Protein backbone atom coordinates (compact mmCIF):
# COMPACT_ATOMS: atom_id res chain seq x y z
CA MET A 1 -19.69 1.23 40.65
CA GLY A 2 -21.95 -1.69 41.48
CA ASP A 3 -24.10 -0.96 38.43
CA LEU A 4 -20.98 -1.14 36.24
CA TRP A 5 -19.98 -4.55 37.55
CA ASP A 6 -23.56 -5.79 37.26
CA GLY A 7 -23.64 -4.64 33.65
CA LEU A 8 -20.30 -6.30 32.88
CA SER A 9 -21.32 -9.60 34.49
CA GLN A 10 -24.62 -9.62 32.61
CA ALA A 11 -22.82 -8.74 29.38
CA PHE A 12 -20.43 -11.68 29.77
CA PHE A 13 -23.41 -13.90 30.55
CA LEU A 14 -25.08 -12.82 27.30
CA LEU A 15 -21.87 -13.59 25.41
CA VAL A 16 -21.33 -16.98 26.99
CA THR A 17 -24.94 -18.09 26.56
CA LEU A 18 -25.10 -16.73 22.99
CA ASP A 19 -28.14 -14.55 23.60
CA ALA A 20 -30.58 -14.74 20.67
CA ASP A 21 -30.77 -10.96 20.14
CA LEU A 22 -27.00 -10.64 20.36
CA VAL A 23 -26.43 -13.37 17.78
CA GLU A 24 -29.11 -12.01 15.45
CA ILE A 25 -27.73 -8.48 15.50
CA THR A 26 -24.16 -9.70 15.03
CA LEU A 27 -25.03 -11.92 12.09
CA ARG A 28 -27.02 -9.14 10.44
CA SER A 29 -24.09 -6.75 10.85
CA LEU A 30 -21.71 -9.25 9.29
CA ARG A 31 -24.09 -10.00 6.44
CA VAL A 32 -24.57 -6.32 5.59
CA THR A 33 -20.90 -5.39 5.96
CA LEU A 34 -19.49 -8.39 4.09
CA THR A 35 -21.92 -7.85 1.22
CA ALA A 36 -20.93 -4.19 1.03
CA LEU A 37 -17.26 -5.19 1.21
CA VAL A 38 -17.52 -7.60 -1.71
CA ILE A 39 -19.30 -5.02 -3.88
CA ALA A 40 -16.90 -2.24 -2.89
CA THR A 41 -13.87 -4.45 -3.55
CA VAL A 42 -15.11 -5.36 -7.03
CA ILE A 43 -15.42 -1.64 -7.78
CA ALA A 44 -12.40 -0.25 -5.95
CA LEU A 45 -9.61 -2.66 -6.88
CA PRO A 46 -9.95 -2.31 -10.68
CA LEU A 47 -10.29 1.46 -10.18
CA GLY A 48 -7.05 1.56 -8.19
CA ALA A 49 -5.30 -0.55 -10.81
CA LEU A 50 -6.61 1.63 -13.64
CA LEU A 51 -5.34 4.80 -11.98
CA ALA A 52 -1.95 3.17 -11.48
CA VAL A 53 -1.57 1.94 -15.07
CA ARG A 54 -3.47 4.35 -17.26
CA ARG A 55 -2.42 7.92 -17.94
CA PHE A 56 -5.27 10.21 -19.01
CA ARG A 57 -6.37 13.80 -18.72
CA MET A 58 -7.82 14.71 -15.30
CA ARG A 59 -6.13 11.64 -13.76
CA ARG A 60 -4.56 13.69 -10.97
CA PHE A 61 -7.89 15.34 -10.31
CA VAL A 62 -9.63 11.96 -10.05
CA ILE A 63 -6.98 10.74 -7.59
CA ALA A 64 -7.31 13.93 -5.54
CA VAL A 65 -11.10 13.58 -5.41
CA MET A 66 -10.83 9.91 -4.47
CA ASN A 67 -8.44 10.71 -1.62
CA ALA A 68 -10.68 13.54 -0.46
CA LEU A 69 -13.72 11.25 -0.40
CA MET A 70 -11.95 9.08 2.16
CA GLY A 71 -12.83 11.76 4.69
CA LEU A 72 -16.42 12.21 3.56
CA PRO A 73 -18.66 12.40 6.66
CA PRO A 74 -20.72 9.19 6.79
CA VAL A 75 -23.83 11.04 7.90
CA VAL A 76 -23.67 13.08 4.69
CA VAL A 77 -23.50 9.83 2.72
CA GLY A 78 -26.55 8.65 4.64
CA LEU A 79 -28.39 11.85 3.78
CA ILE A 80 -27.58 11.54 0.08
CA VAL A 81 -28.63 7.89 -0.05
CA TYR A 82 -31.79 8.75 1.90
CA LEU A 83 -32.75 11.43 -0.62
CA MET A 84 -32.03 9.11 -3.54
CA LEU A 85 -34.08 6.24 -2.11
CA SER A 86 -36.94 8.21 -0.57
CA ARG A 87 -40.35 8.18 -2.25
CA SER A 88 -39.67 11.55 -3.87
CA GLY A 89 -36.20 10.46 -5.00
CA PRO A 90 -35.21 8.92 -8.35
CA PHE A 91 -35.02 5.39 -6.89
CA GLY A 92 -37.95 5.64 -4.52
CA VAL A 93 -40.04 3.33 -6.67
CA PHE A 94 -37.90 0.38 -5.56
CA GLY A 95 -38.84 0.83 -1.89
CA LEU A 96 -35.28 0.29 -0.64
CA LEU A 97 -35.26 2.87 2.14
CA PHE A 98 -35.05 1.40 5.67
CA THR A 99 -33.89 -1.96 4.34
CA PRO A 100 -30.55 -3.79 4.58
CA THR A 101 -30.03 -2.98 0.89
CA ALA A 102 -30.00 0.75 1.65
CA MET A 103 -27.46 0.13 4.39
CA ILE A 104 -25.27 -1.82 1.98
CA VAL A 105 -25.43 1.00 -0.58
CA ALA A 106 -24.34 3.53 2.05
CA GLN A 107 -21.45 1.37 3.22
CA VAL A 108 -20.29 0.78 -0.35
CA ILE A 109 -20.14 4.52 -0.99
CA ILE A 110 -18.21 5.06 2.23
CA ILE A 111 -15.53 2.39 1.77
CA VAL A 112 -14.94 2.44 -2.01
CA PRO A 113 -12.69 5.55 -1.83
CA LEU A 114 -10.74 4.06 1.08
CA ILE A 115 -10.09 0.72 -0.62
CA ALA A 116 -9.37 2.33 -3.99
CA SER A 117 -6.91 4.81 -2.49
CA ILE A 118 -4.96 2.15 -0.58
CA ALA A 119 -4.99 -0.11 -3.64
CA HIS A 120 -3.79 2.70 -5.91
CA GLN A 121 -0.86 3.55 -3.65
CA ALA A 122 0.21 -0.09 -3.46
CA LEU A 123 -0.23 -0.79 -7.17
CA ARG A 124 1.49 2.44 -8.19
CA GLU A 125 4.68 1.24 -6.51
CA LEU A 126 4.28 -2.19 -8.05
CA TRP A 127 3.72 -0.65 -11.49
CA SER A 128 7.06 1.15 -11.29
CA ASP A 129 8.74 -2.25 -10.90
CA TYR A 130 6.71 -3.99 -13.61
CA HIS A 131 6.46 -1.11 -16.08
CA ASP A 132 9.31 -2.00 -18.42
CA LEU A 133 8.59 -5.74 -18.37
CA LEU A 134 4.89 -5.42 -19.15
CA LEU A 135 5.52 -2.88 -21.89
CA SER A 136 8.16 -5.11 -23.48
CA LEU A 137 5.62 -7.95 -23.57
CA ASN A 138 3.25 -5.70 -25.54
CA THR A 139 0.43 -6.22 -23.05
CA ASN A 140 -2.79 -4.24 -23.13
CA HIS A 141 -4.25 -2.30 -20.21
CA VAL A 142 -6.46 -5.16 -19.04
CA GLN A 143 -3.52 -7.57 -18.94
CA ARG A 144 -1.38 -5.06 -17.06
CA MET A 145 -4.11 -4.42 -14.51
CA SER A 146 -4.66 -8.16 -14.07
CA ALA A 147 -0.96 -8.76 -13.48
CA LEU A 148 -0.76 -5.99 -10.91
CA LEU A 149 -3.90 -7.13 -9.11
CA TRP A 150 -2.59 -10.68 -8.85
CA ASP A 151 0.94 -9.83 -7.75
CA GLY A 152 -0.30 -7.17 -5.35
CA ARG A 153 -2.95 -9.38 -3.75
CA ARG A 154 -1.38 -9.12 -0.28
CA ALA A 155 -1.63 -5.34 -0.15
CA LEU A 156 -5.07 -5.47 -1.75
CA LEU A 157 -6.32 -7.88 0.88
CA THR A 158 -5.07 -5.47 3.50
CA ALA A 159 -7.01 -2.69 1.76
CA SER A 160 -10.17 -4.79 1.85
CA LEU A 161 -9.70 -5.53 5.55
CA ALA A 162 -9.31 -1.81 6.20
CA GLY A 163 -12.58 -1.25 4.36
CA PHE A 164 -14.26 -3.90 6.50
CA GLY A 165 -13.03 -2.22 9.67
CA ARG A 166 -14.39 1.12 8.49
CA ALA A 167 -17.77 -0.34 7.50
CA ILE A 168 -18.43 -2.53 10.55
CA GLY A 169 -18.04 0.45 12.88
CA GLU A 170 -20.24 2.82 10.89
CA VAL A 171 -23.28 4.25 12.67
CA GLY A 172 -24.29 7.64 11.20
CA ALA A 173 -25.18 6.64 7.66
CA ILE A 174 -26.62 3.31 8.79
CA MET A 175 -28.94 5.02 11.26
CA VAL A 176 -30.19 7.45 8.61
CA VAL A 177 -30.93 4.96 5.83
CA GLY A 178 -31.66 1.87 7.93
CA GLY A 179 -33.82 3.33 10.64
CA ASN A 180 -32.57 0.89 13.33
CA ILE A 181 -35.66 -1.30 12.95
CA ASP A 182 -35.74 -4.29 15.32
CA HIS A 183 -35.30 -7.69 13.60
CA HIS A 184 -34.83 -5.93 10.27
CA THR A 185 -32.11 -3.27 10.07
CA ARG A 186 -30.67 -3.17 13.59
CA VAL A 187 -26.91 -3.78 13.56
CA LEU A 188 -24.15 -3.65 16.15
CA THR A 189 -23.47 0.07 16.14
CA THR A 190 -27.08 1.26 16.02
CA ALA A 191 -28.10 -1.30 18.65
CA ILE A 192 -25.36 -0.06 20.99
CA ALA A 193 -26.59 3.52 20.59
CA LEU A 194 -30.20 2.46 21.22
CA GLU A 195 -29.51 0.23 24.24
CA THR A 196 -27.28 2.87 25.81
CA GLY A 197 -30.07 5.42 25.47
CA LYS A 198 -32.51 2.97 27.05
CA GLY A 199 -30.15 2.28 29.92
CA ASP A 200 -29.77 -1.42 29.04
CA PHE A 201 -26.02 -1.43 29.55
CA ALA A 202 -25.72 -5.22 29.67
CA LEU A 203 -26.73 -5.74 26.04
CA ALA A 204 -24.92 -2.57 24.97
CA LEU A 205 -21.69 -3.80 26.57
CA ALA A 206 -22.09 -7.27 25.07
CA LEU A 207 -22.58 -5.77 21.62
CA GLY A 208 -19.61 -3.49 22.25
CA PHE A 209 -17.40 -6.45 23.15
CA VAL A 210 -18.38 -8.16 19.89
CA LEU A 211 -17.60 -5.01 17.92
CA ILE A 212 -14.26 -4.57 19.67
CA GLY A 213 -13.46 -8.23 19.02
CA LEU A 214 -14.16 -7.82 15.31
CA ALA A 215 -12.03 -4.66 15.15
CA ILE A 216 -9.13 -6.39 16.94
CA ALA A 217 -9.42 -9.41 14.64
CA VAL A 218 -9.23 -7.18 11.56
CA ASN A 219 -6.22 -5.28 12.89
CA LEU A 220 -4.42 -8.51 13.79
CA ALA A 221 -5.11 -9.82 10.29
CA ILE A 222 -3.70 -6.63 8.74
CA HIS A 223 -0.63 -6.84 11.00
CA TRP A 224 -0.06 -10.49 10.11
CA LEU A 225 -0.42 -9.81 6.39
CA THR A 226 1.97 -6.86 6.62
CA GLN A 227 4.57 -8.95 8.46
CA THR A 228 4.12 -11.77 5.95
CA GLU A 229 4.70 -9.39 3.08
CA ARG A 230 7.82 -7.89 4.65
CA GLU A 231 9.33 -11.29 5.31
CA GLY A 232 8.41 -12.60 1.87
CA ARG A 233 6.56 -15.61 3.21
CA TRP A 234 3.43 -15.29 1.09
């Protein structure tokens, strides 16, 4: 029990004093995750809007696959990205394996289906309200998608925050493609796993507190946005 309290006190000390390793790992995690989030959002939101507006053959199949990919095991994503970026893979010539770029690619693949699925569900309901109006204005598909994306921005922001929460806590794929290299690809989740294995519970707890804080902040933001939308105060 004494070791636990010692670890907690040291962890709080690291947080209060802004330990250099703690800050470095946190900033790297945010940089990787936010970059992946921006890329995934640019891909997922138009995809969700397209599936809501456009009717085409195999549309239901595409939606089913997209929803199924939400549950894709991250470690499998890491394996696929590893094989693609390894020296024997098709993109091995770029030397991206065990770099932050590889980690970003893995996170993008993981969160695109999540963001796109949430966006599609929200925009599908919005499209049912706007359908007759947009058709009467003789708008094309791009204009319809743009209108839905703008008017549904609250729900879409919630979808992006959900993607951030999923990405920031990812460990399996990041470990596989990033390698957990100190001062290069070590992020919050992989550092926690490493420090726990080493028995350095102080740093592991400090990193865990940061990760929990980020998760709570994201959930509070989603809750606030949801309440704002319900009360019509946006």
